[in-house]
Each structure stands twice: as structure tokens, then as C-alpha cells.
């Protein structure tokens, strides 16, 4: 397996530098820029596992910290800082991709901030967005307002969601994806929660879920790469 490289880059005009982790396997076919969720950084075990799993499938990753996480703070940065960091991370990914097709997204908040950045100003050279548990609404408060901006995203989008995800009622998310038409691909992981954990009684292992969602990411990457060539 390829070695993970520590990098640093400027997150924005007033945000300072943040850390990143670049994992590029031999013969990589794409690079995926991945933001973390609100409560855990780029070194969270799930982020480590998904980066390794997609690397095995030929996809490089650039994980990165948002400034508040870099500083060890609990309070999430204001949205403009988060969006500036997404754009800076994508620019760093573009620089490091060396010609590879570029994807962007992340876990929960990291994915949503990426789609907001794409909706507001676009993300140059990004060919598709990957959402590892799109946070459609707060737990226990179903709604779809958080997805309203997706109508302004012109890129293909891949939603990876669990059936037990308390932050994304599938009865609400499916119509969102349907309204996006061919831009949206929804992959549902049976029995998985927002963190892609499964109950023992489900008869499935978390390794199986990880393989499933990694296969879906790889298939999405292949599809948008073919579309780019055509």
C-alpha cells in the first residue's frame, strides 16, 4: 500500500494553515478531496479506513482539516471559513493531482460544505461530488431544507447513505435525489447508521459495509471519468 504523506496548505485569507493527508496509490485513476465531519477530524478511524479502501481501488485521496479542528477547538468555524477551506483544499488537490480527474466531498458536514461551495461559486476541475452520509437534517428533526442548494450544483453527485442514518430520512432523501435527475446517484447501505456502523444482529460486518461503499465510490469515479473523456 502507498504511504500517506503529511502536507500543509493555506486554508483562506484569515484562517491560517491547515494539515492534510495525501494517499496516492500506484496507477491512481482519480483523486478525491475529502473533508471530515463536524465532530471528528481527518484522522478519525472511518476517514482512515475509507481512504485506505478507495486507495485499494485505485483512487487517491487528500484528506484535510478545517481550521477549528486544526486548532483543537470544539466550535465549528463560521460557514464562510468552512467554504473557503473547501475551495483551498480543492485547489491543493488540483495542484497535487498531476492530471488525475478530481472529485470532492466528505463525511457528513464535510460533504455538505463541499456541495455548498460548488453551488455558490463552483469548484473548478472537479468532476463529481461524493457524500459519505449527507446530513439532510438534524437527528429527530426531519426536513429537506439543507438540500435546497443542491439544485444549483451542476456536477454529478454520489450519495452513500445507511438505512439507519438518523440525519437522513430516506423517505425525504429519495425525492431530493429524484428531483436532481441523472446528476444524482443514491447508494443505500442496508443496516448502516450515519457512521456506517451496523448492528451485530444485522448479519453484516462493518468491513462488508466499507467494501460496499468503497465499490460504489470507485464505480462513480469511473463513470464521471468516462463522461469527462467523452
Protein backbone atom coordinates (compact mmCIF):
# COMPACT_ATOMS: atom_id res chain seq x y z
CA UNK A 1 0.00 0.00 0.00
CA UNK A 2 1.21 3.52 -0.75
CA UNK A 3 2.45 5.68 2.11
CA UNK A 4 0.35 8.56 3.39
CA UNK A 5 2.07 11.95 3.14
CA UNK A 6 1.55 14.80 5.59
CA UNK A 7 1.03 18.15 3.86
CA UNK A 8 0.06 21.69 4.82
CA UNK A 9 -1.70 24.43 2.89
CA UNK A 10 -3.28 27.83 3.41
CA UNK A 11 -6.97 27.45 4.23
CA UNK A 12 -8.04 31.01 3.50
CA UNK A 13 -7.14 34.69 3.90
CA UNK A 14 -7.74 34.70 7.67
CA UNK A 15 -7.76 31.01 8.55
CA UNK A 16 -4.06 30.20 8.51
CA UNK A 17 -2.55 26.88 7.51
CA UNK A 18 -4.20 23.51 7.97
CA UNK A 19 -2.97 19.94 7.73
CA UNK A 20 -3.74 17.40 5.06
CA UNK A 21 -3.04 13.75 4.34
CA UNK A 22 -2.30 12.66 0.78
CA UNK A 23 -2.57 9.00 -0.17
CA UNK A 24 -1.81 8.24 -3.80
CA UNK A 25 -1.62 4.58 -4.86
CA UNK A 26 0.44 3.49 -7.82
CA UNK A 27 -1.59 3.78 -11.02
CA UNK A 28 -4.27 6.00 -9.44
CA UNK A 29 -7.16 6.89 -11.75
CA UNK A 30 -8.62 9.85 -9.79
CA UNK A 31 -8.07 11.98 -6.70
CA UNK A 32 -10.83 12.53 -4.13
CA UNK A 33 -10.59 15.57 -1.83
CA UNK A 34 -12.28 14.62 1.46
CA UNK A 35 -13.48 16.87 4.27
CA UNK A 36 -14.24 15.45 7.71
CA UNK A 37 -17.45 15.54 9.74
CA UNK A 38 -18.27 18.14 12.37
CA UNK A 39 -17.14 16.17 15.41
CA UNK A 40 -14.03 14.32 14.23
CA UNK A 41 -11.03 15.23 12.12
CA UNK A 42 -9.26 13.75 9.14
CA UNK A 43 -7.56 11.07 11.28
CA UNK A 44 -10.83 9.60 12.55
CA UNK A 45 -10.83 5.80 12.08
CA UNK A 46 -13.59 5.97 9.48
CA UNK A 47 -11.66 8.53 7.45
CA UNK A 48 -8.55 6.36 7.69
CA UNK A 49 -10.46 3.26 6.59
CA UNK A 50 -12.29 4.84 3.66
CA UNK A 51 -9.06 6.40 2.37
CA UNK A 52 -7.32 3.02 2.52
CA UNK A 53 -10.28 1.20 0.94
CA UNK A 54 -10.63 3.53 -2.04
CA UNK A 55 -6.84 3.52 -2.44
CA UNK A 56 -7.09 -0.24 -2.93
CA UNK A 57 -9.49 0.58 -5.77
CA UNK A 58 -7.11 3.00 -7.45
CA UNK A 59 -8.41 6.29 -6.06
CA UNK A 60 -6.05 8.75 -4.40
CA UNK A 61 -7.33 10.87 -1.51
CA UNK A 62 -6.49 14.21 0.01
CA UNK A 63 -7.98 14.46 3.49
CA UNK A 64 -7.79 17.81 5.26
CA UNK A 65 -8.63 19.60 8.48
CA UNK A 66 -11.00 22.51 8.87
CA UNK A 67 -9.36 25.34 10.86
CA UNK A 68 -11.34 24.78 14.09
CA UNK A 69 -10.30 21.13 14.15
CA UNK A 70 -6.71 22.07 13.36
CA UNK A 71 -6.77 24.38 16.40
CA UNK A 72 -8.33 21.73 18.64
CA UNK A 73 -11.48 23.80 19.14
CA UNK A 74 -14.97 22.38 19.57
CA UNK A 75 -16.87 25.24 17.98
CA UNK A 76 -17.26 24.78 14.25
CA UNK A 77 -15.93 27.60 12.07
CA UNK A 78 -18.38 30.08 10.50
CA UNK A 79 -19.66 28.96 7.14
CA UNK A 80 -17.51 31.39 5.08
CA UNK A 81 -14.38 29.92 6.70
CA UNK A 82 -15.56 26.36 6.03
CA UNK A 83 -16.32 27.13 2.39
CA UNK A 84 -13.01 28.92 1.90
CA UNK A 85 -11.26 25.87 3.30
CA UNK A 86 -13.09 23.57 0.92
CA UNK A 87 -12.04 25.72 -2.03
CA UNK A 88 -8.44 25.85 -0.79
CA UNK A 89 -8.37 22.07 -0.32
CA UNK A 90 -9.73 21.51 -3.83
CA UNK A 91 -7.10 23.89 -5.22
CA UNK A 92 -4.42 21.95 -3.34
CA UNK A 93 -5.85 18.71 -4.65
CA UNK A 94 -5.77 20.08 -8.18
CA UNK A 95 -2.11 21.01 -7.73
CA UNK A 96 -1.21 17.59 -6.37
CA UNK A 97 -3.38 15.56 -8.74
CA UNK A 98 -0.90 15.97 -11.59
CA UNK A 99 -3.53 15.48 -14.25
CA UNK A 100 -5.77 12.99 -12.45
CA UNK A 101 -9.53 13.59 -12.63
CA UNK A 102 -10.63 15.41 -9.48
CA UNK A 103 -13.53 14.53 -7.17
CA UNK A 104 -14.51 16.25 -3.93
CA UNK A 105 -16.78 15.64 -0.98
CA UNK A 106 -16.56 14.28 2.51
CA UNK A 107 -18.13 12.79 5.57
CA UNK A 108 -21.35 14.45 6.74
CA UNK A 109 -20.57 18.17 7.24
CA UNK A 110 -17.50 17.92 5.01
CA UNK A 111 -19.65 16.71 2.15
CA UNK A 112 -22.35 19.33 2.68
CA UNK A 113 -19.82 22.16 2.83
CA UNK A 114 -18.36 20.88 -0.44
CA UNK A 115 -21.75 20.95 -2.14
CA UNK A 116 -22.43 24.44 -0.79
CA UNK A 117 -19.10 25.62 -2.19
CA UNK A 118 -19.97 24.04 -5.54
CA UNK A 119 -23.42 25.67 -5.53
CA UNK A 120 -22.17 29.15 -4.64
CA UNK A 121 -19.09 29.59 -6.82
CA UNK A 122 -18.34 26.24 -8.42
CA UNK A 123 -15.27 24.07 -7.87
CA UNK A 124 -13.01 24.32 -10.93
CA UNK A 125 -11.95 20.99 -12.47
CA UNK A 126 -14.00 18.90 -10.02
CA UNK A 127 -15.86 16.19 -11.94
CA UNK A 128 -18.20 14.92 -9.24
CA UNK A 129 -19.15 15.12 -5.56
CA UNK A 130 -19.13 12.25 -3.06
CA UNK A 131 -21.28 12.39 0.09
CA UNK A 132 -20.42 9.88 2.81
CA UNK A 133 -23.61 10.32 4.79
CA UNK A 134 -25.22 13.57 3.61
CA UNK A 135 -26.62 15.35 6.73
CA UNK A 136 -30.06 16.14 5.38
CA UNK A 137 -31.46 17.27 8.74
CA UNK A 138 -30.66 17.24 12.48
CA UNK A 139 -31.37 13.99 14.32
CA UNK A 140 -35.04 13.78 15.24
CA UNK A 141 -35.99 16.83 13.15
CA UNK A 142 -36.79 15.55 9.64
CA UNK A 143 -36.71 18.06 6.81
CA UNK A 144 -35.03 18.68 3.48
CA UNK A 145 -34.14 22.38 3.67
CA UNK A 146 -30.42 21.54 3.87
CA UNK A 147 -30.64 20.07 0.39
CA UNK A 148 -32.19 23.13 -1.28
CA UNK A 149 -28.83 24.32 -2.65
CA UNK A 150 -28.22 21.04 -4.49
CA UNK A 151 -30.42 22.26 -7.34
CA UNK A 152 -27.64 24.77 -8.12
CA UNK A 153 -24.92 22.11 -8.21
CA UNK A 154 -24.24 21.20 -11.83
CA UNK A 155 -21.94 18.28 -11.07
CA UNK A 156 -22.74 14.57 -10.76
CA UNK A 157 -23.33 13.62 -7.12
CA UNK A 158 -22.96 10.29 -5.34
CA UNK A 159 -24.93 9.87 -2.10
CA UNK A 160 -23.88 7.00 0.17
CA UNK A 161 -26.40 6.57 2.97
CA UNK A 162 -27.32 3.96 5.57
CA UNK A 163 -30.86 2.85 6.26
CA UNK A 164 -30.41 3.68 9.98
CA UNK A 165 -28.99 7.16 9.37
CA UNK A 166 -30.82 9.48 11.81
CA UNK A 167 -29.56 12.52 9.90
CA UNK A 168 -31.08 11.49 6.58
CA UNK A 169 -34.57 10.05 6.42
CA UNK A 170 -34.53 8.09 3.18
CA UNK A 171 -38.19 8.91 2.55
CA UNK A 172 -37.02 12.54 2.31
CA UNK A 173 -33.70 11.97 0.61
CA UNK A 174 -35.00 9.82 -2.23
CA UNK A 175 -37.27 12.61 -3.57
CA UNK A 176 -34.34 15.03 -3.35
CA UNK A 177 -32.23 12.70 -5.49
CA UNK A 178 -35.12 12.07 -7.88
CA UNK A 179 -35.51 15.83 -8.40
CA UNK A 180 -31.81 16.09 -9.28
CA UNK A 181 -32.33 13.58 -12.08
CA UNK A 182 -29.30 11.89 -13.66
CA UNK A 183 -26.92 14.12 -11.69
CA UNK A 184 -27.64 12.14 -8.50
CA UNK A 185 -26.77 8.54 -7.71
CA UNK A 186 -28.04 7.14 -4.39
CA UNK A 187 -26.41 4.07 -2.89
CA UNK A 188 -28.21 2.74 0.19
CA UNK A 189 -26.31 0.56 2.65
CA UNK A 190 -28.69 -1.77 4.49
CA UNK A 191 -28.48 -1.56 8.27
CA UNK A 192 -25.81 1.15 8.41
CA UNK A 193 -26.14 4.28 10.53
CA UNK A 194 -24.71 7.76 9.91
CA UNK A 195 -21.22 6.50 10.77
CA UNK A 196 -21.74 3.36 8.67
CA UNK A 197 -21.83 1.17 11.77
CA UNK A 198 -24.08 -1.89 11.69
CA UNK A 199 -25.67 -3.87 14.50
CA UNK A 200 -24.33 -7.36 15.18
CA UNK A 201 -27.79 -8.81 14.68
CA UNK A 202 -27.84 -7.45 11.13
CA UNK A 203 -25.65 -10.32 9.97
CA UNK A 204 -23.34 -7.84 8.25
CA UNK A 205 -19.88 -6.69 9.26
CA UNK A 206 -18.58 -3.14 9.11
CA UNK A 207 -15.84 -4.40 6.79
CA UNK A 208 -18.55 -5.53 4.35
CA UNK A 209 -20.21 -2.10 4.53
CA UNK A 210 -16.87 -0.40 3.92
CA UNK A 211 -16.25 -2.59 0.87
CA UNK A 212 -19.73 -1.83 -0.41
CA UNK A 213 -19.45 1.94 -0.17
CA UNK A 214 -15.88 1.91 -1.50
CA UNK A 215 -17.02 -0.08 -4.52
CA UNK A 216 -19.77 2.48 -5.06
CA UNK A 217 -17.28 5.37 -4.88
CA UNK A 218 -14.98 3.62 -7.34
CA UNK A 219 -17.85 2.94 -9.76
CA UNK A 220 -18.92 6.60 -9.56
CA UNK A 221 -15.35 7.73 -10.19
CA UNK A 222 -15.13 5.52 -13.27
CA UNK A 223 -18.41 6.87 -14.59
CA UNK A 224 -17.54 10.54 -14.24
CA UNK A 225 -14.08 9.87 -15.66
CA UNK A 226 -15.63 8.33 -18.78
CA UNK A 227 -18.01 11.29 -19.07
CA UNK A 228 -15.02 13.63 -18.86
CA UNK A 229 -13.26 11.85 -21.71
CA UNK A 230 -16.39 11.83 -23.87
